[in-house]
Amino acid sequence: MSTLTKSDMIEHLMDQLNLTRQEGRCLVENFFDELSESLIEGKEVKLSGFGNFELKDKSSRPGRNPKTGEPVSVTARRVVTFKTGQKFRQKVDDYLFETQ
């Protein structure tokens, strides 16, 4: 299994859309900036055919230090979650069944 990086995305945009490296980098950076800003503002991000990024509030709870076993309090926080869309999930499932 490999990792997709921003650099890989830029290379793909350069190949597929004949963009310069600078144009590809600008496009990728702007996409992630827009996604981040929307989430920071508390907005849900929906990407049709891909999935949804949502903010969830987690309440404080008791936990423990895994090294010492000592009880600690885990503070309340806000986390970003991702839920895949049906089309994307189906593409992944189809690919997995084809490769088996």
PDB file of N, CA and C in Angstrom:
ATOM      1  N   MET A   1       0.845  -1.174   0.000  1.00  0.00           N
ATOM      2  CA  MET A   1       0.000   0.000   0.000  1.00  0.00           C
ATOM      3  C   MET A   1       0.889   1.234   0.000  1.00  0.00           C
ATOM      4  N   SER A   2       0.514   2.230  -0.803  1.00  0.00           N
ATOM      5  CA  SER A   2       1.303   3.451  -0.863  1.00  0.00           C
ATOM      6  C   SER A   2       0.493   4.633  -0.336  1.00  0.00           C
ATOM      7  N   THR A   3       1.149   5.764  -0.230  1.00  0.00           N
ATOM      8  CA  THR A   3       0.532   6.971   0.301  1.00  0.00           C
ATOM      9  C   THR A   3       0.407   8.003  -0.812  1.00  0.00           C
ATOM     10  N   LEU A   4      -0.752   8.652  -0.877  1.00  0.00           N
ATOM     11  CA  LEU A   4      -0.953   9.748  -1.818  1.00  0.00           C
ATOM     12  C   LEU A   4      -0.575  11.042  -1.121  1.00  0.00           C
ATOM     13  N   THR A   5       0.321  11.795  -1.715  1.00  0.00           N
ATOM     14  CA  THR A   5       0.779  13.051  -1.130  1.00  0.00           C
ATOM     15  C   THR A   5       0.292  14.229  -1.975  1.00  0.00           C
ATOM     16  N   LYS A   6       0.422  15.434  -1.425  1.00  0.00           N
ATOM     17  CA  LYS A   6       0.090  16.630  -2.198  1.00  0.00           C
ATOM     18  C   LYS A   6       0.946  16.690  -3.452  1.00  0.00           C
ATOM     19  N   SER A   7       2.193  16.301  -3.326  1.00  0.00           N
ATOM     20  CA  SER A   7       3.102  16.302  -4.467  1.00  0.00           C
ATOM     21  C   SER A   7       2.585  15.372  -5.568  1.00  0.00           C
ATOM     22  N   ASP A   8       2.066  14.204  -5.178  1.00  0.00           N
ATOM     23  CA  ASP A   8       1.480  13.271  -6.148  1.00  0.00           C
ATOM     24  C   ASP A   8       0.280  13.909  -6.853  1.00  0.00           C
ATOM     25  N   MET A   9      -0.539  14.622  -6.087  1.00  0.00           N
ATOM     26  CA  MET A   9      -1.701  15.289  -6.669  1.00  0.00           C
ATOM     27  C   MET A   9      -1.269  16.344  -7.678  1.00  0.00           C
ATOM     28  N   ILE A  10      -0.243  17.101  -7.331  1.00  0.00           N
ATOM     29  CA  ILE A  10       0.272  18.136  -8.221  1.00  0.00           C
ATOM     30  C   ILE A  10       0.784  17.509  -9.513  1.00  0.00           C
ATOM     31  N   GLU A  11       1.536  16.419  -9.393  1.00  0.00           N
ATOM     32  CA  GLU A  11       2.054  15.713 -10.574  1.00  0.00           C
ATOM     33  C   GLU A  11       0.912  15.237 -11.467  1.00  0.00           C
ATOM     34  N   HIS A  12      -0.125  14.691 -10.853  1.00  0.00           N
ATOM     35  CA  HIS A  12      -1.281  14.197 -11.611  1.00  0.00           C
ATOM     36  C   HIS A  12      -1.960  15.353 -12.353  1.00  0.00           C
ATOM     37  N   LEU A  13      -2.150  16.486 -11.679  1.00  0.00           N
ATOM     38  CA  LEU A  13      -2.768  17.647 -12.323  1.00  0.00           C
ATOM     39  C   LEU A  13      -1.904  18.152 -13.475  1.00  0.00           C
ATOM     40  N   MET A  14      -0.601  18.119 -13.292  1.00  0.00           N
ATOM     41  CA  MET A  14       0.306  18.535 -14.352  1.00  0.00           C
ATOM     42  C   MET A  14       0.153  17.629 -15.576  1.00  0.00           C
ATOM     43  N   ASP A  15       0.074  16.323 -15.335  1.00  0.00           N
ATOM     44  CA  ASP A  15      -0.040  15.352 -16.432  1.00  0.00           C
ATOM     45  C   ASP A  15      -1.400  15.417 -17.122  1.00  0.00           C
ATOM     46  N   GLN A  16      -2.465  15.468 -16.323  1.00  0.00           N
ATOM     47  CA  GLN A  16      -3.814  15.375 -16.877  1.00  0.00           C
ATOM     48  C   GLN A  16      -4.334  16.688 -17.458  1.00  0.00           C
ATOM     49  N   LEU A  17      -3.956  17.806 -16.851  1.00  0.00           N
ATOM     50  CA  LEU A  17      -4.503  19.100 -17.271  1.00  0.00           C
ATOM     51  C   LEU A  17      -3.458  20.012 -17.898  1.00  0.00           C
ATOM     52  N   ASN A  18      -2.255  19.485 -18.076  1.00  0.00           N
ATOM     53  CA  ASN A  18      -1.151  20.266 -18.653  1.00  0.00           C
ATOM     54  C   ASN A  18      -0.917  21.572 -17.892  1.00  0.00           C
ATOM     55  N   LEU A  19      -0.966  21.492 -16.570  1.00  0.00           N
ATOM     56  CA  LEU A  19      -0.694  22.652 -15.728  1.00  0.00           C
ATOM     57  C   LEU A  19       0.798  22.709 -15.431  1.00  0.00           C
ATOM     58  N   THR A  20       1.285  23.890 -15.108  1.00  0.00           N
ATOM     59  CA  THR A  20       2.656  24.004 -14.632  1.00  0.00           C
ATOM     60  C   THR A  20       2.678  23.530 -13.180  1.00  0.00           C
ATOM     61  N   ARG A  21       3.876  23.267 -12.679  1.00  0.00           N
ATOM     62  CA  ARG A  21       3.989  22.839 -11.280  1.00  0.00           C
ATOM     63  C   ARG A  21       3.404  23.904 -10.354  1.00  0.00           C
ATOM     64  N   GLN A  22       3.676  25.165 -10.648  1.00  0.00           N
ATOM     65  CA  GLN A  22       3.185  26.254  -9.805  1.00  0.00           C
ATOM     66  C   GLN A  22       1.650  26.317  -9.844  1.00  0.00           C
ATOM     67  N   GLU A  23       1.041  26.139 -11.010  1.00  0.00           N
ATOM     68  CA  GLU A  23      -0.420  26.148 -11.118  1.00  0.00           C
ATOM     69  C   GLU A  23      -1.026  24.962 -10.368  1.00  0.00           C
ATOM     70  N   GLY A  24      -0.418  23.797 -10.502  1.00  0.00           N
ATOM     71  CA  GLY A  24      -0.895  22.605  -9.803  1.00  0.00           C
ATOM     72  C   GLY A  24      -0.797  22.769  -8.296  1.00  0.00           C
ATOM     73  N   ARG A  25       0.329  23.293  -7.832  1.00  0.00           N
ATOM     74  CA  ARG A  25       0.527  23.520  -6.396  1.00  0.00           C
ATOM     75  C   ARG A  25      -0.510  24.511  -5.873  1.00  0.00           C
ATOM     76  N   CYS A  26      -0.743  25.575  -6.628  1.00  0.00           N
ATOM     77  CA  CYS A  26      -1.712  26.596  -6.233  1.00  0.00           C
ATOM     78  C   CYS A  26      -3.115  25.985  -6.127  1.00  0.00           C
ATOM     79  N   LEU A  27      -3.489  25.161  -7.088  1.00  0.00           N
ATOM     80  CA  LEU A  27      -4.799  24.515  -7.085  1.00  0.00           C
ATOM     81  C   LEU A  27      -4.968  23.592  -5.871  1.00  0.00           C
ATOM     82  N   VAL A  28      -3.971  22.763  -5.617  1.00  0.00           N
ATOM     83  CA  VAL A  28      -4.040  21.828  -4.488  1.00  0.00           C
ATOM     84  C   VAL A  28      -4.053  22.589  -3.163  1.00  0.00           C
ATOM     85  N   GLU A  29      -3.179  23.562  -3.007  1.00  0.00           N
ATOM     86  CA  GLU A  29      -3.122  24.332  -1.757  1.00  0.00           C
ATOM     87  C   GLU A  29      -4.422  25.088  -1.523  1.00  0.00           C
ATOM     88  N   ASN A  30      -4.976  25.699  -2.569  1.00  0.00           N
ATOM     89  CA  ASN A  30      -6.236  26.431  -2.422  1.00  0.00           C
ATOM     90  C   ASN A  30      -7.384  25.507  -2.040  1.00  0.00           C
ATOM     91  N   PHE A  31      -7.403  24.304  -2.606  1.00  0.00           N
ATOM     92  CA  PHE A  31      -8.445  23.337  -2.261  1.00  0.00           C
ATOM     93  C   PHE A  31      -8.395  23.013  -0.768  1.00  0.00           C
ATOM     94  N   PHE A  32      -7.213  22.677  -0.272  1.00  0.00           N
ATOM     95  CA  PHE A  32      -7.089  22.307   1.134  1.00  0.00           C
ATOM     96  C   PHE A  32      -7.281  23.507   2.065  1.00  0.00           C
ATOM     97  N   ASP A  33      -6.880  24.682   1.626  1.00  0.00           N
ATOM     98  CA  ASP A  33      -7.129  25.893   2.419  1.00  0.00           C
ATOM     99  C   ASP A  33      -8.625  26.143   2.559  1.00  0.00           C
ATOM    100  N   GLU A  34      -9.349  26.013   1.467  1.00  0.00           N
ATOM    101  CA  GLU A  34     -10.803  26.227   1.484  1.00  0.00           C
ATOM    102  C   GLU A  34     -11.485  25.194   2.376  1.00  0.00           C
ATOM    103  N   LEU A  35     -11.075  23.931   2.261  1.00  0.00           N
ATOM    104  CA  LEU A  35     -11.637  22.873   3.091  1.00  0.00           C
ATOM    105  C   LEU A  35     -11.370  23.160   4.570  1.00  0.00           C
ATOM    106  N   SER A  36     -10.140  23.528   4.890  1.00  0.00           N
ATOM    107  CA  SER A  36      -9.762  23.817   6.281  1.00  0.00           C
ATOM    108  C   SER A  36     -10.522  25.014   6.826  1.00  0.00           C
ATOM    109  N   GLU A  37     -10.583  26.093   6.055  1.00  0.00           N
ATOM    110  CA  GLU A  37     -11.274  27.300   6.505  1.00  0.00           C
ATOM    111  C   GLU A  37     -12.751  27.033   6.777  1.00  0.00           C
ATOM    112  N   SER A  38     -13.384  26.272   5.916  1.00  0.00           N
ATOM    113  CA  SER A  38     -14.801  25.945   6.115  1.00  0.00           C
ATOM    114  C   SER A  38     -15.002  25.175   7.408  1.00  0.00           C
ATOM    115  N   LEU A  39     -14.141  24.207   7.672  1.00  0.00           N
ATOM    116  CA  LEU A  39     -14.255  23.428   8.906  1.00  0.00           C
ATOM    117  C   LEU A  39     -13.969  24.295  10.132  1.00  0.00           C
ATOM    118  N   ILE A  40     -12.979  25.168  10.041  1.00  0.00           N
ATOM    119  CA  ILE A  40     -12.659  26.069  11.152  1.00  0.00           C
ATOM    120  C   ILE A  40     -13.851  26.961  11.474  1.00  0.00           C
ATOM    121  N   GLU A  41     -14.591  27.376  10.443  1.00  0.00           N
ATOM    122  CA  GLU A  41     -15.771  28.226  10.626  1.00  0.00           C
ATOM    123  C   GLU A  41     -16.989  27.434  11.109  1.00  0.00           C
ATOM    124  N   GLY A  42     -16.820  26.120  11.271  1.00  0.00           N
ATOM    125  CA  GLY A  42     -17.909  25.296  11.780  1.00  0.00           C
ATOM    126  C   GLY A  42     -18.835  24.769  10.706  1.00  0.00           C
ATOM    127  N   LYS A  43     -18.452  24.921   9.453  1.00  0.00           N
ATOM    128  CA  LYS A  43     -19.290  24.439   8.349  1.00  0.00           C
ATOM    129  C   LYS A  43     -18.964  22.982   8.039  1.00  0.00           C
ATOM    130  N   GLU A  44     -19.976  22.255   7.610  1.00  0.00           N
ATOM    131  CA  GLU A  44     -19.780  20.895   7.125  1.00  0.00           C
ATOM    132  C   GLU A  44     -19.328  20.987   5.677  1.00  0.00           C
ATOM    133  N   VAL A  45     -18.419  20.112   5.257  1.00  0.00           N
ATOM    134  CA  VAL A  45     -17.933  20.101   3.881  1.00  0.00           C
ATOM    135  C   VAL A  45     -18.440  18.836   3.213  1.00  0.00           C
ATOM    136  N   LYS A  46     -19.230  19.022   2.146  1.00  0.00           N
ATOM    137  CA  LYS A  46     -19.786  17.898   1.400  1.00  0.00           C
ATOM    138  C   LYS A  46     -19.174  17.878   0.007  1.00  0.00           C
ATOM    139  N   LEU A  47     -18.527  16.780  -0.339  1.00  0.00           N
ATOM    140  CA  LEU A  47     -17.950  16.607  -1.664  1.00  0.00           C
ATOM    141  C   LEU A  47     -18.742  15.509  -2.366  1.00  0.00           C
ATOM    142  N   SER A  48     -19.596  15.917  -3.280  1.00  0.00           N
ATOM    143  CA  SER A  48     -20.497  14.991  -3.969  1.00  0.00           C
ATOM    144  C   SER A  48     -19.715  13.843  -4.606  1.00  0.00           C
ATOM    145  N   GLY A  49     -20.176  12.641  -4.376  1.00  0.00           N
ATOM    146  CA  GLY A  49     -19.532  11.459  -4.931  1.00  0.00           C
ATOM    147  C   GLY A  49     -18.308  11.007  -4.161  1.00  0.00           C
ATOM    148  N   PHE A  50     -17.931  11.726  -3.120  1.00  0.00           N
ATOM    149  CA  PHE A  50     -16.751  11.373  -2.334  1.00  0.00           C
ATOM    150  C   PHE A  50     -17.096  11.152  -0.874  1.00  0.00           C
ATOM    151  N   GLY A  51     -17.600  12.201  -0.193  1.00  0.00           N
ATOM    152  CA  GLY A  51     -17.961  12.053   1.210  1.00  0.00           C
ATOM    153  C   GLY A  51     -18.116  13.382   1.902  1.00  0.00           C
ATOM    154  N   ASN A  52     -18.339  13.320   3.215  1.00  0.00           N
ATOM    155  CA  ASN A  52     -18.581  14.512   4.027  1.00  0.00           C
ATOM    156  C   ASN A  52     -17.576  14.613   5.166  1.00  0.00           C
ATOM    157  N   PHE A  53     -17.067  15.831   5.370  1.00  0.00           N
ATOM    158  CA  PHE A  53     -16.246  16.140   6.528  1.00  0.00           C
ATOM    159  C   PHE A  53     -17.147  16.873   7.519  1.00  0.00           C
ATOM    160  N   GLU A  54     -17.181  16.408   8.749  1.00  0.00           N
ATOM    161  CA  GLU A  54     -18.045  17.006   9.759  1.00  0.00           C
ATOM    162  C   GLU A  54     -17.255  17.275  11.028  1.00  0.00           C
ATOM    163  N   LEU A  55     -17.720  18.255  11.795  1.00  0.00           N
ATOM    164  CA  LEU A  55     -17.153  18.527  13.105  1.00  0.00           C
ATOM    165  C   LEU A  55     -18.018  17.851  14.156  1.00  0.00           C
ATOM    166  N   LYS A  56     -17.386  17.193  15.092  1.00  0.00           N
ATOM    167  CA  LYS A  56     -18.103  16.552  16.204  1.00  0.00           C
ATOM    168  C   LYS A  56     -17.498  17.051  17.505  1.00  0.00           C
ATOM    169  N   ASP A  57     -18.362  17.339  18.450  1.00  0.00           N
ATOM    170  CA  ASP A  57     -17.906  17.732  19.779  1.00  0.00           C
ATOM    171  C   ASP A  57     -17.828  16.492  20.658  1.00  0.00           C
ATOM    172  N   LYS A  58     -16.676  16.284  21.255  1.00  0.00           N
ATOM    173  CA  LYS A  58     -16.497  15.167  22.179  1.00  0.00           C
ATOM    174  C   LYS A  58     -16.441  15.732  23.588  1.00  0.00           C
ATOM    175  N   SER A  59     -17.216  15.155  24.473  1.00  0.00           N
ATOM    176  CA  SER A  59     -17.229  15.628  25.853  1.00  0.00           C
ATOM    177  C   SER A  59     -16.021  15.084  26.614  1.00  0.00           C
ATOM    178  N   SER A  60     -15.744  15.695  27.750  1.00  0.00           N
ATOM    179  CA  SER A  60     -14.628  15.205  28.566  1.00  0.00           C
ATOM    180  C   SER A  60     -15.007  13.835  29.133  1.00  0.00           C
ATOM    181  N   ARG A  61     -13.998  13.045  29.391  1.00  0.00           N
ATOM    182  CA  ARG A  61     -14.245  11.689  29.872  1.00  0.00           C
ATOM    183  C   ARG A  61     -13.039  11.199  30.647  1.00  0.00           C
ATOM    184  N   PRO A  62     -13.252  10.187  31.465  1.00  0.00           N
ATOM    185  CA  PRO A  62     -12.108   9.605  32.167  1.00  0.00           C
ATOM    186  C   PRO A  62     -11.297   8.731  31.209  1.00  0.00           C
ATOM    187  N   GLY A  63     -10.017   8.727  31.384  1.00  0.00           N
ATOM    188  CA  GLY A  63      -9.130   7.896  30.583  1.00  0.00           C
ATOM    189  C   GLY A  63      -8.003   7.389  31.455  1.00  0.00           C
ATOM    190  N   ARG A  64      -6.976   6.835  30.827  1.00  0.00           N
ATOM    191  CA  ARG A  64      -5.823   6.389  31.607  1.00  0.00           C
ATOM    192  C   ARG A  64      -4.567   6.530  30.772  1.00  0.00           C
ATOM    193  N   ASN A  65      -3.474   6.743  31.455  1.00  0.00           N
ATOM    194  CA  ASN A  65      -2.171   6.805  30.815  1.00  0.00           C
ATOM    195  C   ASN A  65      -1.797   5.375  30.438  1.00  0.00           C
ATOM    196  N   PRO A  66      -1.626   5.065  29.149  1.00  0.00           N
ATOM    197  CA  PRO A  66      -1.344   3.685  28.752  1.00  0.00           C
ATOM    198  C   PRO A  66      -0.010   3.162  29.267  1.00  0.00           C
ATOM    199  N   LYS A  67       0.921   4.061  29.560  1.00  0.00           N
ATOM    200  CA  LYS A  67       2.233   3.643  30.036  1.00  0.00           C
ATOM    201  C   LYS A  67       2.186   3.241  31.514  1.00  0.00           C
ATOM    202  N   THR A  68       1.499   4.064  32.321  1.00  0.00           N
ATOM    203  CA  THR A  68       1.502   3.836  33.764  1.00  0.00           C
ATOM    204  C   THR A  68       0.194   3.255  34.291  1.00  0.00           C
ATOM    205  N   GLY A  69      -0.879   3.355  33.475  1.00  0.00           N
ATOM    206  CA  GLY A  69      -2.179   2.899  33.944  1.00  0.00           C
ATOM    207  C   GLY A  69      -2.861   3.908  34.857  1.00  0.00           C
ATOM    208  N   GLU A  70      -2.213   5.032  35.088  1.00  0.00           N
ATOM    209  CA  GLU A  70      -2.741   6.065  35.979  1.00  0.00           C
ATOM    210  C   GLU A  70      -3.968   6.738  35.347  1.00  0.00           C
ATOM    211  N   PRO A  71      -5.038   6.928  36.131  1.00  0.00           N
ATOM    212  CA  PRO A  71      -6.221   7.602  35.594  1.00  0.00           C
ATOM    213  C   PRO A  71      -5.927   9.073  35.272  1.00  0.00           C
ATOM    214  N   VAL A  72      -6.444   9.532  34.136  1.00  0.00           N
ATOM    215  CA  VAL A  72      -6.322  10.929  33.735  1.00  0.00           C
ATOM    216  C   VAL A  72      -7.658  11.380  33.160  1.00  0.00           C
ATOM    217  N   SER A  73      -7.853  12.680  33.100  1.00  0.00           N
ATOM    218  CA  SER A  73      -9.068  13.226  32.514  1.00  0.00           C
ATOM    219  C   SER A  73      -8.765  13.654  31.082  1.00  0.00           C
ATOM    220  N   VAL A  74      -9.561  13.160  30.137  1.00  0.00           N
ATOM    221  CA  VAL A  74      -9.429  13.562  28.737  1.00  0.00           C
ATOM    222  C   VAL A  74     -10.358  14.752  28.540  1.00  0.00           C
ATOM    223  N   THR A  75      -9.796  15.884  28.131  1.00  0.00           N
ATOM    224  CA  THR A  75     -10.575  17.112  28.032  1.00  0.00           C
ATOM    225  C   THR A  75     -11.528  17.073  26.832  1.00  0.00           C
ATOM    226  N   ALA A  76     -12.568  17.881  26.908  1.00  0.00           N
ATOM    227  CA  ALA A  76     -13.514  18.011  25.805  1.00  0.00           C
ATOM    228  C   ALA A  76     -12.784  18.615  24.618  1.00  0.00           C
ATOM    229  N   ARG A  77     -13.190  18.218  23.427  1.00  0.00           N
ATOM    230  CA  ARG A  77     -12.534  18.744  22.233  1.00  0.00           C
ATOM    231  C   ARG A  77     -13.450  18.600  21.026  1.00  0.00           C
ATOM    232  N   ARG A  78     -13.072  19.256  19.964  1.00  0.00           N
ATOM    233  CA  ARG A  78     -13.805  19.166  18.702  1.00  0.00           C
ATOM    234  C   ARG A  78     -12.915  18.405  17.727  1.00  0.00           C
ATOM    235  N   VAL A  79     -13.492  17.432  17.033  1.00  0.00           N
ATOM    236  CA  VAL A  79     -12.733  16.623  16.083  1.00  0.00           C
ATOM    237  C   VAL A  79     -13.396  16.673  14.708  1.00  0.00           C
ATOM    238  N   VAL A  80     -12.600  16.442  13.679  1.00  0.00           N
ATOM    239  CA  VAL A  80     -13.119  16.351  12.318  1.00  0.00           C
ATOM    240  C   VAL A  80     -13.290  14.881  11.987  1.00  0.00           C
ATOM    241  N   THR A  81     -14.468  14.529  11.468  1.00  0.00           N
ATOM    242  CA  THR A  81     -14.715  13.160  11.043  1.00  0.00           C
ATOM    243  C   THR A  81     -14.996  13.157   9.546  1.00  0.00           C
ATOM    244  N   PHE A  82     -14.778  12.015   8.925  1.00  0.00           N
ATOM    245  CA  PHE A  82     -15.059  11.859   7.499  1.00  0.00           C
ATOM    246  C   PHE A  82     -15.958  10.651   7.314  1.00  0.00           C
ATOM    247  N   LYS A  83     -17.024  10.839   6.565  1.00  0.00           N
ATOM    248  CA  LYS A  83     -17.929   9.738   6.252  1.00  0.00           C
ATOM    249  C   LYS A  83     -17.983   9.616   4.735  1.00  0.00           C
ATOM    250  N   THR A  84     -17.635   8.443   4.224  1.00  0.00           N
ATOM    251  CA  THR A  84     -17.602   8.253   2.774  1.00  0.00           C
ATOM    252  C   THR A  84     -19.002   8.314   2.183  1.00  0.00           C
ATOM    253  N   GLY A  85     -19.070   8.799   0.955  1.00  0.00           N
ATOM    254  CA  GLY A  85     -20.315   8.800   0.211  1.00  0.00           C
ATOM    255  C   GLY A  85     -20.551   7.429  -0.402  1.00  0.00           C
ATOM    256  N   GLN A  86     -21.791   7.182  -0.801  1.00  0.00           N
ATOM    257  CA  GLN A  86     -22.148   5.868  -1.353  1.00  0.00           C
ATOM    258  C   GLN A  86     -21.381   5.558  -2.633  1.00  0.00           C
ATOM    259  N   LYS A  87     -21.254   6.531  -3.538  1.00  0.00           N
ATOM    260  CA  LYS A  87     -20.559   6.289  -4.808  1.00  0.00           C
ATOM    261  C   LYS A  87     -19.102   5.921  -4.569  1.00  0.00           C
ATOM    262  N   PHE A  88     -18.451   6.657  -3.683  1.00  0.00           N
ATOM    263  CA  PHE A  88     -17.047   6.378  -3.387  1.00  0.00           C
ATOM    264  C   PHE A  88     -16.893   5.014  -2.720  1.00  0.00           C
ATOM    265  N   ARG A  89     -17.753   4.733  -1.757  1.00  0.00           N
ATOM    266  CA  ARG A  89     -17.711   3.452  -1.057  1.00  0.00           C
ATOM    267  C   ARG A  89     -17.891   2.299  -2.047  1.00  0.00           C
ATOM    268  N   GLN A  90     -18.814   2.471  -3.005  1.00  0.00           N
ATOM    269  CA  GLN A  90     -19.065   1.432  -4.005  1.00  0.00           C
ATOM    270  C   GLN A  90     -17.850   1.233  -4.908  1.00  0.00           C
ATOM    271  N   LYS A  91     -17.187   2.323  -5.300  1.00  0.00           N
ATOM    272  CA  LYS A  91     -15.979   2.205  -6.120  1.00  0.00           C
ATOM    273  C   LYS A  91     -14.890   1.427  -5.395  1.00  0.00           C
ATOM    274  N   VAL A  92     -14.721   1.720  -4.101  1.00  0.00           N
ATOM    275  CA  VAL A  92     -13.705   1.022  -3.308  1.00  0.00           C
ATOM    276  C   VAL A  92     -14.066  -0.452  -3.193  1.00  0.00           C
ATOM    277  N   ASP A  93     -15.334  -0.743  -2.895  1.00  0.00           N
ATOM    278  CA  ASP A  93     -15.772  -2.142  -2.784  1.00  0.00           C
ATOM    279  C   ASP A  93     -15.570  -2.883  -4.100  1.00  0.00           C
ATOM    280  N   ASP A  94     -15.949  -2.252  -5.214  1.00  0.00           N
ATOM    281  CA  ASP A  94     -15.783  -2.897  -6.536  1.00  0.00           C
ATOM    282  C   ASP A  94     -14.324  -3.184  -6.806  1.00  0.00           C
ATOM    283  N   TYR A  95     -13.443  -2.238  -6.490  1.00  0.00           N
ATOM    284  CA  TYR A  95     -12.017  -2.438  -6.707  1.00  0.00           C
ATOM    285  C   TYR A  95     -11.478  -3.571  -5.846  1.00  0.00           C
ATOM    286  N   LEU A  96     -11.901  -3.613  -4.579  1.00  0.00           N
ATOM    287  CA  LEU A  96     -11.406  -4.650  -3.672  1.00  0.00           C
ATOM    288  C   LEU A  96     -11.832  -6.037  -4.147  1.00  0.00           C
ATOM    289  N   PHE A  97     -13.057  -6.157  -4.627  1.00  0.00           N
ATOM    290  CA  PHE A  97     -13.531  -7.471  -5.085  1.00  0.00           C
ATOM    291  C   PHE A  97     -12.891  -7.880  -6.401  1.00  0.00           C
ATOM    292  N   GLU A  98     -12.508  -6.902  -7.246  1.00  0.00           N
ATOM    293  CA  GLU A  98     -11.831  -7.207  -8.498  1.00  0.00           C
ATOM    294  C   GLU A  98     -10.431  -7.722  -8.269  1.00  0.00           C
ATOM    295  N   THR A  99      -9.751  -7.246  -7.247  1.00  0.00           N
ATOM    296  CA  THR A  99      -8.355  -7.603  -7.003  1.00  0.00           C
ATOM    297  C   THR A  99      -8.210  -8.879  -6.182  1.00  0.00           C
ATOM    298  N   GLN A 100      -9.301  -9.436  -5.726  1.00  0.00           N
ATOM    299  CA  GLN A 100      -9.188 -10.669  -4.927  1.00  0.00           C
ATOM    300  C   GLN A 100      -9.217 -11.899  -5.792  1.00  0.00           C
TER     301      GLN A 100
END
